[in-house]
C-alpha atoms as a PDB file:
ATOM      1  CA  MET A   1      38.290 103.177 150.025  1.00  0.00           C
ATOM      2  CA  ALA A   2      38.201 102.789 146.253  1.00  0.00           C
ATOM      3  CA  ASP A   3      40.738 100.770 145.032  1.00  0.00           C
ATOM      4  CA  ALA A   4      42.799 102.955 142.749  1.00  0.00           C
ATOM      5  CA  LYS A   5      43.136 102.890 139.127  1.00  0.00           C
ATOM      6  CA  VAL A   6      46.703 102.180 137.491  1.00  0.00           C
ATOM      7  CA  ILE A   7      46.777 104.181 134.671  1.00  0.00           C
ATOM      8  CA  PRO A   8      49.537 102.220 132.057  1.00  0.00           C
ATOM      9  CA  PHE A   9      52.616 104.846 130.577  1.00  0.00           C
ATOM     10  CA  ASP A  10      52.165 106.316 127.463  1.00  0.00           C
ATOM     11  CA  GLU A  11      54.835 104.522 125.506  1.00  0.00           C
ATOM     12  CA  ASP A  12      53.170 104.908 121.802  1.00  0.00           C
ATOM     13  CA  ARG A  13      53.744 108.887 121.683  1.00  0.00           C
ATOM     14  CA  PRO A  14      57.753 108.343 121.785  1.00  0.00           C
ATOM     15  CA  ARG A  15      57.892 105.990 119.369  1.00  0.00           C
ATOM     16  CA  ARG A  16      55.920 107.648 116.805  1.00  0.00           C
ATOM     17  CA  ARG A  17      58.003 110.602 117.114  1.00  0.00           C
ATOM     18  CA  GLY A  18      60.897 108.557 116.474  1.00  0.00           C
ATOM     19  CA  ALA A  19      59.645 106.888 112.870  1.00  0.00           C
ATOM     20  CA  GLU A  20      58.524 109.892 111.768  1.00  0.00           C
ATOM     21  CA  ARG A  21      62.331 110.984 112.575  1.00  0.00           C
ATOM     22  CA  ARG A  22      63.407 107.780 111.243  1.00  0.00           C
ATOM     23  CA  ALA A  23      60.948 108.336 107.673  1.00  0.00           C
ATOM     24  CA  VAL A  24      62.450 111.719 106.895  1.00  0.00           C
ATOM     25  CA  ARG A  25      65.204 110.599 106.795  1.00  0.00           C
ATOM     26  CA  ALA A  26      64.660 107.875 104.443  1.00  0.00           C
ATOM     27  CA  VAL A  27      62.973 109.871 102.396  1.00  0.00           C
ATOM     28  CA  PRO A  28      65.088 112.780 101.549  1.00  0.00           C
ATOM     29  CA  GLY A  29      63.573 113.872  98.376  1.00  0.00           C
ATOM     30  CA  PRO A  30      59.362 114.308  97.611  1.00  0.00           C
ATOM     31  CA  ALA A  31      57.018 111.202  97.838  1.00  0.00           C
ATOM     32  CA  PRO A  32      55.810 110.317  94.221  1.00  0.00           C
ATOM     33  CA  ALA A  33      52.535 110.794  93.255  1.00  0.00           C
ATOM     34  CA  PRO A  34      50.118 108.093  94.054  1.00  0.00           C
ATOM     35  CA  ASP A  35      49.390 107.585  90.433  1.00  0.00           C
ATOM     36  CA  ALA A  36      52.946 107.530  88.903  1.00  0.00           C
ATOM     37  CA  GLY A  37      53.412 104.209  89.584  1.00  0.00           C
ATOM     38  CA  THR A  38      56.879 104.194  90.181  1.00  0.00           C
ATOM     39  CA  GLY A  39      56.482 103.781  94.096  1.00  0.00           C
ATOM     40  CA  PRO A  40      56.182 100.981  96.210  1.00  0.00           C
ATOM     41  CA  GLU A  41      52.649 100.750  97.542  1.00  0.00           C
ATOM     42  CA  ALA A  42      51.513 101.482 101.323  1.00  0.00           C
ATOM     43  CA  GLY A  43      52.980  98.533 102.656  1.00  0.00           C
ATOM     44  CA  THR A  44      55.027  96.904 100.763  1.00  0.00           C
ATOM     45  CA  PRO A  45      59.034  96.297 101.225  1.00  0.00           C
ATOM     46  CA  ALA A  46      61.023  98.625 100.032  1.00  0.00           C
ATOM     47  CA  PRO A  47      65.163  97.389  98.854  1.00  0.00           C
ATOM     48  CA  GLY A  48      66.445  96.658 101.626  1.00  0.00           C
ATOM     49  CA  GLY A  49      63.498  95.076 103.747  1.00  0.00           C
ATOM     50  CA  ARG A  50      61.823  98.263 105.428  1.00  0.00           C
ATOM     51  CA  THR A  51      58.757 100.169 104.384  1.00  0.00           C
ATOM     52  CA  PRO A  52      58.778 103.582 103.511  1.00  0.00           C
ATOM     53  CA  GLY A  53      58.147 105.572 106.470  1.00  0.00           C
ATOM     54  CA  GLY A  54      58.029 102.829 108.365  1.00  0.00           C
ATOM     55  CA  PRO A  55      59.846 101.433 111.606  1.00  0.00           C
ATOM     56  CA  ARG A  56      63.157 100.641 111.162  1.00  0.00           C
ATOM     57  CA  ASP A  57      64.199  99.138 114.493  1.00  0.00           C
ATOM     58  CA  GLY A  58      61.771  97.111 115.117  1.00  0.00           C
ATOM     59  CA  ALA A  59      58.403  95.306 114.555  1.00  0.00           C
ATOM     60  CA  ASP A  60      56.899  97.718 117.266  1.00  0.00           C
ATOM     61  CA  GLY A  61      58.671 100.954 115.751  1.00  0.00           C
ATOM     62  CA  ALA A  62      60.768 101.275 119.097  1.00  0.00           C
ATOM     63  CA  PRO A  63      64.114 101.685 119.055  1.00  0.00           C
ATOM     64  CA  PRO A  64      66.464  98.973 120.415  1.00  0.00           C
ATOM     65  CA  GLY A  65      67.291 101.099 124.012  1.00  0.00           C
ATOM     66  CA  LEU A  66      63.257 100.292 124.573  1.00  0.00           C
ATOM     67  CA  ARG A  67      62.519  97.270 123.496  1.00  0.00           C
ATOM     68  CA  ASP A  68      61.899  93.925 125.595  1.00  0.00           C
ATOM     69  CA  GLY A  69      62.538  95.176 129.075  1.00  0.00           C
ATOM     70  CA  ALA A  70      65.154  97.496 128.545  1.00  0.00           C
ATOM     71  CA  GLU A  71      66.534 100.375 130.414  1.00  0.00           C
ATOM     72  CA  GLY A  72      64.948 102.981 128.915  1.00  0.00           C
ATOM     73  CA  PRO A  73      61.058 102.620 130.703  1.00  0.00           C
ATOM     74  CA  GLY A  74      62.767 100.207 133.127  1.00  0.00           C
ATOM     75  CA  TRP A  75      62.269 102.505 135.807  1.00  0.00           C
ATOM     76  CA  GLU A  76      58.659 103.427 135.130  1.00  0.00           C
ATOM     77  CA  ARG A  77      57.686  99.311 135.584  1.00  0.00           C
ATOM     78  CA  ARG A  78      59.768  99.641 138.919  1.00  0.00           C
ATOM     79  CA  LEU A  79      58.063 102.521 140.542  1.00  0.00           C
ATOM     80  CA  ALA A  80      54.550 101.453 139.338  1.00  0.00           C
ATOM     81  CA  SER A  81      55.147  97.797 140.784  1.00  0.00           C
ATOM     82  CA  GLY A  82      56.524  99.505 144.000  1.00  0.00           C
ATOM     83  CA  LEU A  83      53.161 102.142 144.100  1.00  0.00           C
ATOM     84  CA  ALA A  84      50.681  99.027 143.269  1.00  0.00           C
ATOM     85  CA  PHE A  85      52.631  96.984 146.217  1.00  0.00           C
ATOM     86  CA  LEU A  86      52.191 100.031 148.600  1.00  0.00           C
ATOM     87  CA  ARG A  87      48.456 100.191 147.712  1.00  0.00           C
ATOM     88  CA  ARG A  88      47.931  96.951 148.698  1.00  0.00           C
ATOM     89  CA  ARG A  89      49.464  97.465 152.044  1.00  0.00           C
ATOM     90  CA  ILE A  90      47.458 100.240 152.803  1.00  0.00           C
ATOM     91  CA  THR A  91      43.782  98.829 151.401  1.00  0.00           C
ATOM     92  CA  GLY A  92      44.770  95.575 153.184  1.00  0.00           C
ATOM     93  CA  GLU A  93      44.370  93.301 149.600  1.00  0.00           C
ATOM     94  CA  TYR A  94      47.200  90.837 150.579  1.00  0.00           C
ATOM     95  CA  GLU A  95      46.881  87.180 151.937  1.00  0.00           C
ATOM     96  CA  VAL A  96      48.969  85.449 154.902  1.00  0.00           C
ATOM     97  CA  ASP A  97      48.413  81.867 155.565  1.00  0.00           C
ATOM     98  CA  GLU A  98      47.170  80.441 158.762  1.00  0.00           C
ATOM     99  CA  PHE A  99      50.850  80.841 160.647  1.00  0.00           C
ATOM    100  CA  GLY A 100      51.253  84.548 159.334  1.00  0.00           C
ATOM    101  CA  TYR A 101      53.367  84.144 156.528  1.00  0.00           C
ATOM    102  CA  ASP A 102      52.938  86.908 154.495  1.00  0.00           C
ATOM    103  CA  ARG A 103      54.942  86.040 150.896  1.00  0.00           C
ATOM    104  CA  GLU A 104      54.808  89.133 148.867  1.00  0.00           C
ATOM    105  CA  LEU A 105      55.945  91.383 152.021  1.00  0.00           C
ATOM    106  CA  THR A 106      58.761  88.527 152.304  1.00  0.00           C
ATOM    107  CA  ASP A 107      59.737  88.662 148.794  1.00  0.00           C
ATOM    108  CA  GLN A 108      60.169  92.637 148.084  1.00  0.00           C
ATOM    109  CA  VAL A 109      60.933  94.184 151.142  1.00  0.00           C
ATOM    110  CA  LEU A 110      62.500  90.944 153.661  1.00  0.00           C
ATOM    111  CA  MET A 111      64.901  89.544 151.020  1.00  0.00           C
ATOM    112  CA  SER A 112      65.904  92.552 150.365  1.00  0.00           C
ATOM    113  CA  LEU A 113      67.026  93.641 153.828  1.00  0.00           C
ATOM    114  CA  MET A 114      68.881  90.691 154.487  1.00  0.00           C
ATOM    115  CA  ARG A 115      70.815  90.356 150.786  1.00  0.00           C
ATOM    116  CA  PRO A 116      73.258  93.146 151.657  1.00  0.00           C
ATOM    117  CA  LEU A 117      74.199  91.096 154.364  1.00  0.00           C
ATOM    118  CA  PHE A 118      74.030  87.836 152.881  1.00  0.00           C
ATOM    119  CA  ASP A 119      76.201  89.175 149.479  1.00  0.00           C
ATOM    120  CA  GLY A 120      78.344  92.436 150.386  1.00  0.00           C
ATOM    121  CA  TYR A 121      78.967  91.873 154.353  1.00  0.00           C
ATOM    122  CA  PHE A 122      79.195  87.762 154.959  1.00  0.00           C
ATOM    123  CA  ARG A 123      80.145  86.803 150.905  1.00  0.00           C
ATOM    124  CA  VAL A 124      77.734  83.575 152.004  1.00  0.00           C
ATOM    125  CA  GLU A 125      79.542  81.135 150.127  1.00  0.00           C
ATOM    126  CA  VAL A 126      76.083  78.222 149.360  1.00  0.00           C
ATOM    127  CA  LYS A 127      77.722  75.097 148.160  1.00  0.00           C
ATOM    128  CA  GLY A 128      75.070  71.778 147.992  1.00  0.00           C
ATOM    129  CA  VAL A 129      71.822  73.659 147.181  1.00  0.00           C
ATOM    130  CA  GLU A 130      70.807  70.492 144.952  1.00  0.00           C
ATOM    131  CA  ASN A 131      70.111  68.430 147.624  1.00  0.00           C
ATOM    132  CA  ILE A 132      67.458  70.237 148.611  1.00  0.00           C
ATOM    133  CA  PRO A 133      64.371  68.570 146.660  1.00  0.00           C
ATOM    134  CA  ALA A 134      62.584  70.995 144.086  1.00  0.00           C
ATOM    135  CA  GLU A 135      59.301  70.612 145.542  1.00  0.00           C
ATOM    136  CA  GLY A 136      57.510  68.419 148.536  1.00  0.00           C
ATOM    137  CA  GLY A 137      58.510  68.801 151.957  1.00  0.00           C
ATOM    138  CA  ALA A 138      61.800  68.168 153.535  1.00  0.00           C
ATOM    139  CA  LEU A 139      63.570  69.093 156.906  1.00  0.00           C
ATOM    140  CA  ILE A 140      66.666  71.348 156.730  1.00  0.00           C
ATOM    141  CA  VAL A 141      68.423  70.603 160.103  1.00  0.00           C
ATOM    142  CA  ALA A 142      71.264  72.808 161.088  1.00  0.00           C
ATOM    143  CA  ASN A 143      73.895  73.993 163.436  1.00  0.00           C
ATOM    144  CA  HIS A 144      73.523  77.387 165.859  1.00  0.00           C
ATOM    145  CA  SER A 145      75.927  79.504 166.853  1.00  0.00           C
ATOM    146  CA  GLY A 146      76.668  83.328 167.040  1.00  0.00           C
ATOM    147  CA  THR A 147      75.027  84.946 169.897  1.00  0.00           C
ATOM    148  CA  LEU A 148      72.304  86.178 167.842  1.00  0.00           C
ATOM    149  CA  PRO A 149      70.382  83.745 165.271  1.00  0.00           C
ATOM    150  CA  LEU A 150      71.503  85.452 162.108  1.00  0.00           C
ATOM    151  CA  ASP A 151      72.663  82.599 160.950  1.00  0.00           C
ATOM    152  CA  GLY A 152      68.939  81.187 160.346  1.00  0.00           C
ATOM    153  CA  LEU A 153      68.049  84.504 158.218  1.00  0.00           C
ATOM    154  CA  MET A 154      71.084  83.956 156.195  1.00  0.00           C
ATOM    155  CA  MET A 155      70.047  79.943 155.660  1.00  0.00           C
ATOM    156  CA  GLN A 156      66.976  81.584 154.916  1.00  0.00           C
ATOM    157  CA  VAL A 157      68.276  83.793 151.780  1.00  0.00           C
ATOM    158  CA  ALA A 158      70.569  80.709 150.534  1.00  0.00           C
ATOM    159  CA  VAL A 159      67.851  78.321 149.833  1.00  0.00           C
ATOM    160  CA  HIS A 160      65.665  81.166 147.863  1.00  0.00           C
ATOM    161  CA  ASP A 161      68.343  82.750 146.491  1.00  0.00           C
ATOM    162  CA  ARG A 162      70.376  79.789 145.418  1.00  0.00           C
ATOM    163  CA  HIS A 163      68.049  76.999 144.545  1.00  0.00           C
ATOM    164  CA  PRO A 164      66.660  76.738 141.290  1.00  0.00           C
ATOM    165  CA  ALA A 165      62.935  76.512 142.204  1.00  0.00           C
ATOM    166  CA  GLN A 166      63.801  79.788 144.315  1.00  0.00           C
ATOM    167  CA  ARG A 167      61.817  77.561 147.493  1.00  0.00           C
ATOM    168  CA  HIS A 168      61.086  79.438 151.121  1.00  0.00           C
ATOM    169  CA  LEU A 169      62.624  78.124 153.836  1.00  0.00           C
ATOM    170  CA  ARG A 170      60.142  78.129 157.109  1.00  0.00           C
ATOM    171  CA  LEU A 171      62.182  78.062 160.016  1.00  0.00           C
ATOM    172  CA  LEU A 172      61.353  76.798 163.610  1.00  0.00           C
ATOM    173  CA  ALA A 173      62.170  79.667 166.535  1.00  0.00           C
ATOM    174  CA  ALA A 174      61.808  79.538 170.481  1.00  0.00           C
ATOM    175  CA  ASP A 175      59.009  81.126 171.840  1.00  0.00           C
ATOM    176  CA  LEU A 176      60.998  84.084 172.736  1.00  0.00           C
ATOM    177  CA  VAL A 177      61.739  85.498 169.528  1.00  0.00           C
ATOM    178  CA  PHE A 178      57.899  85.511 169.263  1.00  0.00           C
ATOM    179  CA  MET A 179      57.629  87.722 172.672  1.00  0.00           C
ATOM    180  CA  LEU A 180      59.739  90.687 171.650  1.00  0.00           C
ATOM    181  CA  PRO A 181      57.934  93.568 170.277  1.00  0.00           C
ATOM    182  CA  VAL A 182      58.227  93.773 166.509  1.00  0.00           C
ATOM    183  CA  VAL A 183      60.649  91.403 166.060  1.00  0.00           C
ATOM    184  CA  GLY A 184      57.889  88.473 166.679  1.00  0.00           C
ATOM    185  CA  GLU A 185      55.797  90.021 164.370  1.00  0.00           C
ATOM    186  CA  LEU A 186      58.378  89.840 161.318  1.00  0.00           C
ATOM    187  CA  ALA A 187      59.163  86.596 162.083  1.00  0.00           C
ATOM    188  CA  ARG A 188      55.729  85.362 161.622  1.00  0.00           C
ATOM    189  CA  LYS A 189      55.393  87.597 158.520  1.00  0.00           C
ATOM    190  CA  ALA A 190      58.832  85.891 157.296  1.00  0.00           C
ATOM    191  CA  GLY A 191      57.123  82.433 157.235  1.00  0.00           C
ATOM    192  CA  HIS A 192      58.500  80.825 160.704  1.00  0.00           C
ATOM    193  CA  THR A 193      56.537  79.360 163.628  1.00  0.00           C
ATOM    194  CA  LEU A 194      57.002  78.165 166.782  1.00  0.00           C
ATOM    195  CA  ALA A 195      59.137  75.409 167.591  1.00  0.00           C
ATOM    196  CA  CYS A 196      56.799  72.603 167.869  1.00  0.00           C
ATOM    197  CA  ALA A 197      56.179  69.186 166.373  1.00  0.00           C
ATOM    198  CA  GLU A 198      52.360  70.218 165.462  1.00  0.00           C
ATOM    199  CA  ASP A 199      53.309  73.138 163.182  1.00  0.00           C
ATOM    200  CA  ALA A 200      56.232  71.745 161.924  1.00  0.00           C
ATOM    201  CA  GLN A 201      54.204  68.458 160.607  1.00  0.00           C
ATOM    202  CA  ARG A 202      51.663  70.656 159.168  1.00  0.00           C
ATOM    203  CA  LEU A 203      53.899  72.458 157.519  1.00  0.00           C
ATOM    204  CA  LEU A 204      55.860  69.565 156.325  1.00  0.00           C
ATOM    205  CA  GLU A 205      53.028  67.857 154.939  1.00  0.00           C
ATOM    206  CA  ALA A 206      52.063  70.488 153.087  1.00  0.00           C
ATOM    207  CA  GLY A 207      55.163  70.439 150.994  1.00  0.00           C
ATOM    208  CA  GLU A 208      56.950  73.244 153.151  1.00  0.00           C
ATOM    209  CA  LEU A 209      60.585  73.428 153.299  1.00  0.00           C
ATOM    210  CA  VAL A 210      61.192  73.344 157.263  1.00  0.00           C
ATOM    211  CA  GLY A 211      64.413  74.509 158.379  1.00  0.00           C
ATOM    212  CA  VAL A 212      65.383  73.634 162.632  1.00  0.00           C
ATOM    213  CA  MET A 213      68.727  74.220 164.691  1.00  0.00           C
ATOM    214  CA  PRO A 214      68.033  71.428 167.270  1.00  0.00           C
ATOM    215  CA  GLU A 215      71.142  73.089 169.747  1.00  0.00           C
ATOM    216  CA  GLY A 216      68.707  76.175 170.368  1.00  0.00           C
ATOM    217  CA  PHE A 217      70.380  78.262 172.561  1.00  0.00           C
ATOM    218  CA  LYS A 218      72.960  75.965 173.873  1.00  0.00           C
ATOM    219  CA  GLY A 219      74.282  76.373 170.773  1.00  0.00           C
ATOM    220  CA  ILE A 220      73.798  80.074 170.043  1.00  0.00           C
ATOM    221  CA  GLY A 221      74.849  81.394 173.315  1.00  0.00           C
ATOM    222  CA  LYS A 222      78.000  78.905 173.942  1.00  0.00           C
ATOM    223  CA  PRO A 223      81.610  80.032 174.646  1.00  0.00           C
ATOM    224  CA  PHE A 224      83.448  81.392 171.884  1.00  0.00           C
ATOM    225  CA  GLY A 225      86.093  78.592 173.064  1.00  0.00           C
ATOM    226  CA  ASP A 226      83.512  76.059 172.459  1.00  0.00           C
ATOM    227  CA  ARG A 227      83.078  77.251 168.473  1.00  0.00           C
ATOM    228  CA  TYR A 228      81.975  74.355 166.079  1.00  0.00           C
ATOM    229  CA  ARG A 229      81.629  71.916 168.792  1.00  0.00           C
ATOM    230  CA  LEU A 230      77.736  70.272 168.172  1.00  0.00           C
ATOM    231  CA  GLN A 231      75.930  70.804 172.121  1.00  0.00           C
ATOM    232  CA  ARG A 232      73.132  68.126 172.318  1.00  0.00           C
ATOM    233  CA  PHE A 233      70.517  67.855 169.963  1.00  0.00           C
ATOM    234  CA  GLY A 234      68.250  66.930 172.263  1.00  0.00           C
ATOM    235  CA  ARG A 235      65.771  63.837 172.157  1.00  0.00           C
ATOM    236  CA  GLY A 236      64.962  63.919 168.315  1.00  0.00           C
ATOM    237  CA  GLY A 237      62.288  65.213 167.887  1.00  0.00           C
ATOM    238  CA  PHE A 238      62.900  66.438 164.966  1.00  0.00           C
ATOM    239  CA  VAL A 239      63.551  63.239 163.499  1.00  0.00           C
ATOM    240  CA  SER A 240      60.149  62.325 165.355  1.00  0.00           C
ATOM    241  CA  THR A 241      58.587  64.927 163.036  1.00  0.00           C
ATOM    242  CA  ALA A 242      60.198  63.878 159.729  1.00  0.00           C
ATOM    243  CA  LEU A 243      58.988  60.365 160.255  1.00  0.00           C
ATOM    244  CA  ARG A 244      55.595  61.358 161.130  1.00  0.00           C
ATOM    245  CA  ALA A 245      55.627  63.235 157.416  1.00  0.00           C
ATOM    246  CA  GLY A 246      57.887  60.960 155.352  1.00  0.00           C
ATOM    247  CA  THR A 247      59.742  63.902 154.146  1.00  0.00           C
ATOM    248  CA  PRO A 248      63.625  63.781 153.378  1.00  0.00           C
ATOM    249  CA  ILE A 249      66.273  65.238 156.113  1.00  0.00           C
ATOM    250  CA  VAL A 250      68.417  67.580 154.893  1.00  0.00           C
ATOM    251  CA  PRO A 251      71.963  68.378 157.069  1.00  0.00           C
ATOM    252  CA  CYS A 252      73.682  71.736 156.287  1.00  0.00           C
ATOM    253  CA  SER A 253      76.530  72.960 157.767  1.00  0.00           C
ATOM    254  CA  ILE A 254      77.552  76.876 158.899  1.00  0.00           C
ATOM    255  CA  VAL A 255      80.757  78.081 159.226  1.00  0.00           C
ATOM    256  CA  GLY A 256      81.567  81.745 159.663  1.00  0.00           C
ATOM    257  CA  ALA A 257      78.703  82.225 161.895  1.00  0.00           C
ATOM    258  CA  GLU A 258      80.893  81.614 165.301  1.00  0.00           C
ATOM    259  CA  GLU A 259      82.690  84.440 164.944  1.00  0.00           C
ATOM    260  CA  ILE A 260      80.852  87.211 164.379  1.00  0.00           C
ATOM    261  CA  TYR A 261      80.009  87.712 168.235  1.00  0.00           C
ATOM    262  CA  PRO A 262      83.198  85.981 170.346  1.00  0.00           C
ATOM    263  CA  MET A 263      81.270  85.389 173.032  1.00  0.00           C
ATOM    264  CA  VAL A 264      83.765  85.314 176.288  1.00  0.00           C
ATOM    265  CA  GLY A 265      81.744  86.108 178.872  1.00  0.00           C
ATOM    266  CA  ASN A 266      77.911  85.504 179.889  1.00  0.00           C
ATOM    267  CA  ALA A 267      76.553  87.686 182.614  1.00  0.00           C
ATOM    268  CA  LYS A 268      74.031  85.386 184.087  1.00  0.00           C
ATOM    269  CA  THR A 269      72.247  87.485 186.841  1.00  0.00           C
ATOM    270  CA  LEU A 270      71.749  90.419 184.847  1.00  0.00           C
ATOM    271  CA  ALA A 271      70.244  87.570 182.331  1.00  0.00           C
ATOM    272  CA  ARG A 272      67.925  86.600 184.696  1.00  0.00           C
ATOM    273  CA  LEU A 273      66.928  89.805 185.718  1.00  0.00           C
ATOM    274  CA  LEU A 274      66.155  90.814 182.254  1.00  0.00           C
ATOM    275  CA  GLY A 275      64.364  86.800 181.502  1.00  0.00           C
ATOM    276  CA  LEU A 276      67.154  86.106 178.590  1.00  0.00           C
ATOM    277  CA  PRO A 277      68.890  82.828 178.655  1.00  0.00           C
ATOM    278  CA  TYR A 278      72.290  84.529 178.401  1.00  0.00           C
ATOM    279  CA  PHE A 279      73.256  87.839 178.103  1.00  0.00           C
ATOM    280  CA  PRO A 280      76.886  87.789 176.524  1.00  0.00           C
ATOM    281  CA  ILE A 281      79.597  89.670 176.430  1.00  0.00           C
ATOM    282  CA  THR A 282      82.013  90.078 174.026  1.00  0.00           C
ATOM    283  CA  PRO A 283      85.188  92.228 172.979  1.00  0.00           C
ATOM    284  CA  THR A 284      82.952  95.123 171.870  1.00  0.00           C
ATOM    285  CA  PHE A 285      79.892  94.684 173.239  1.00  0.00           C
ATOM    286  CA  PRO A 286      78.545  96.193 176.156  1.00  0.00           C
ATOM    287  CA  TRP A 287      81.459  98.388 175.999  1.00  0.00           C
ATOM    288  CA  LEU A 288      80.794 100.203 172.908  1.00  0.00           C
ATOM    289  CA  GLY A 289      77.614 100.681 173.323  1.00  0.00           C
ATOM    290  CA  PRO A 290      75.154 100.347 170.202  1.00  0.00           C
ATOM    291  CA  LEU A 291      78.436 100.113 168.115  1.00  0.00           C
ATOM    292  CA  GLY A 292      79.203  96.761 169.765  1.00  0.00           C
ATOM    293  CA  ALA A 293      76.305  94.869 167.954  1.00  0.00           C
ATOM    294  CA  VAL A 294      77.621  95.238 164.822  1.00  0.00           C
ATOM    295  CA  PRO A 295      78.661  91.980 163.847  1.00  0.00           C
ATOM    296  CA  LEU A 296      82.564  91.080 162.643  1.00  0.00           C
ATOM    297  CA  PRO A 297      82.520  90.772 159.085  1.00  0.00           C
ATOM    298  CA  THR A 298      83.103  87.335 158.434  1.00  0.00           C
ATOM    299  CA  LYS A 299      83.546  84.817 155.538  1.00  0.00           C
ATOM    300  CA  TRP A 300      80.899  82.685 155.638  1.00  0.00           C
ATOM    301  CA  THR A 301      79.947  79.229 154.221  1.00  0.00           C
ATOM    302  CA  ILE A 302      76.888  77.315 153.778  1.00  0.00           C
ATOM    303  CA  GLN A 303      76.645  73.232 153.164  1.00  0.00           C
ATOM    304  CA  PHE A 304      74.004  71.445 152.268  1.00  0.00           C
ATOM    305  CA  GLY A 305      74.322  67.923 152.738  1.00  0.00           C
ATOM    306  CA  GLU A 306      73.005  64.703 150.988  1.00  0.00           C
ATOM    307  CA  PRO A 307      69.286  63.996 152.337  1.00  0.00           C
ATOM    308  CA  ILE A 308      68.472  61.216 154.475  1.00  0.00           C
ATOM    309  CA  PRO A 309      65.431  60.004 153.649  1.00  0.00           C
ATOM    310  CA  THR A 310      62.462  58.784 155.809  1.00  0.00           C
ATOM    311  CA  ASP A 311      59.686  57.427 153.858  1.00  0.00           C
ATOM    312  CA  GLY A 312      60.563  54.036 153.914  1.00  0.00           C
ATOM    313  CA  TYR A 313      59.750  53.437 157.465  1.00  0.00           C
ATOM    314  CA  PRO A 314      56.746  51.992 158.920  1.00  0.00           C
ATOM    315  CA  PRO A 315      53.988  54.258 160.447  1.00  0.00           C
ATOM    316  CA  GLU A 316      55.257  53.301 164.122  1.00  0.00           C
ATOM    317  CA  ALA A 317      58.785  54.234 163.247  1.00  0.00           C
ATOM    318  CA  ALA A 318      58.042  57.712 165.186  1.00  0.00           C
ATOM    319  CA  GLU A 319      57.675  55.618 168.312  1.00  0.00           C
ATOM    320  CA  ASP A 320      61.037  53.957 167.973  1.00  0.00           C
ATOM    321  CA  PRO A 321      63.534  55.653 170.478  1.00  0.00           C
ATOM    322  CA  MET A 322      66.680  53.780 169.154  1.00  0.00           C
ATOM    323  CA  LEU A 323      65.518  54.780 165.733  1.00  0.00           C
ATOM    324  CA  MET A 324      65.102  58.027 166.826  1.00  0.00           C
ATOM    325  CA  PHE A 325      68.382  57.983 168.871  1.00  0.00           C
ATOM    326  CA  ASN A 326      70.497  56.948 165.982  1.00  0.00           C
ATOM    327  CA  LEU A 327      69.220  58.797 162.837  1.00  0.00           C
ATOM    328  CA  THR A 328      69.845  61.716 165.293  1.00  0.00           C
ATOM    329  CA  ASP A 329      73.207  60.501 165.926  1.00  0.00           C
ATOM    330  CA  GLU A 330      73.455  60.520 161.721  1.00  0.00           C
ATOM    331  CA  VAL A 331      72.591  64.030 161.140  1.00  0.00           C
ATOM    332  CA  ARG A 332      74.520  65.244 163.639  1.00  0.00           C
ATOM    333  CA  GLU A 333      77.955  63.727 162.943  1.00  0.00           C
ATOM    334  CA  GLN A 334      76.967  64.535 159.223  1.00  0.00           C
ATOM    335  CA  ILE A 335      76.818  68.200 160.168  1.00  0.00           C
ATOM    336  CA  GLN A 336      79.998  68.322 162.558  1.00  0.00           C
ATOM    337  CA  HIS A 337      82.611  66.727 160.172  1.00  0.00           C
ATOM    338  CA  THR A 338      81.007  68.724 157.487  1.00  0.00           C
ATOM    339  CA  LEU A 339      82.146  71.438 159.476  1.00  0.00           C
ATOM    340  CA  TYR A 340      85.380  70.313 160.726  1.00  0.00           C
ATOM    341  CA  LYS A 341      86.197  69.630 156.872  1.00  0.00           C
ATOM    342  CA  LEU A 342      85.039  73.456 156.160  1.00  0.00           C
ATOM    343  CA  LEU A 343      87.324  74.586 158.788  1.00  0.00           C
ATOM    344  CA  VAL A 344      90.225  72.742 156.730  1.00  0.00           C
ATOM    345  CA  GLN A 345      89.788  74.356 153.682  1.00  0.00           C
ATOM    346  CA  ARG A 346      89.054  77.795 154.667  1.00  0.00           C
ATOM    347  CA  ARG A 347      92.144  80.211 154.328  1.00  0.00           C
ATOM    348  CA  SER A 348      91.223  82.769 157.191  1.00  0.00           C
ATOM    349  CA  VAL A 349      87.577  83.892 159.334  1.00  0.00           C
ATOM    350  CA  PHE A 350      87.322  87.317 157.391  1.00  0.00           C
ATOM    351  CA  PHE A 351      88.784  85.924 153.667  1.00  0.00           C
END
């Protein structure tokens, strides 16, 4: 298929018409004869700093409302950009990296779909975003909760929209995510990959921000009575990965996600039949059917803590089990302490 030619919008004609109308208003009487010598020559500024019949509002003759990307042609540029985006999608003229990450699709579509949840529904407040490095690799470690992994997606929006460098967060997800139809493909497009040490290390060494939630299904599927109590952080694999890559670890605490789906029960038999780690029972699900899947509009806070450096350790430190245990415990304690602090500070679950 031949590439479509993008024809620029013609902005000269309305500007010329505007300039002609202004010229008529500026020179009400008949123009002097060329040889009279009484009027200014063409291009010579008249009193007041204008050229008779020339542009008055700007160097290009455009009225103030149509200059410098104002409202006038703004919709035209957005339309042209959207059409160009669709053309690249249809013709396949877009790039993905070795993990399947589609940056253009993420920026222009997926982020736009998540922002209403982030800004309007959960009203996420972000703190400590300056603790995330402006460049280079870093491992962001966060608590996990909420029955469905919306906390990871909101953390991704927080890093991109609130960080001065608008960095992209590459989340490590469980195998189940990539086995689900549609969801797995979208996760790849959004830059996420399997929660394995090899992929995480490659991303970190390439200078990417990597997000991990070590609690896994134990955190996201815990009962409502255990909310904001961190589960075990595994065997410290994320610490070993950060040590090998020499990248800092940034603790992250998320408050608000625990209450979006209050999990009061777990249908374990049904979960086994469906091949799921748990089957949640909440006050609204499955009793209200699809409506029960609508999350409660809780007020969220995401706080990024001070980074823990790892570049000062020798290469063999990644194999030291005691060091990994100590660093894992340090990260976990910092996240738990911040969670308690944020819970004391918040006025209400919903406000």
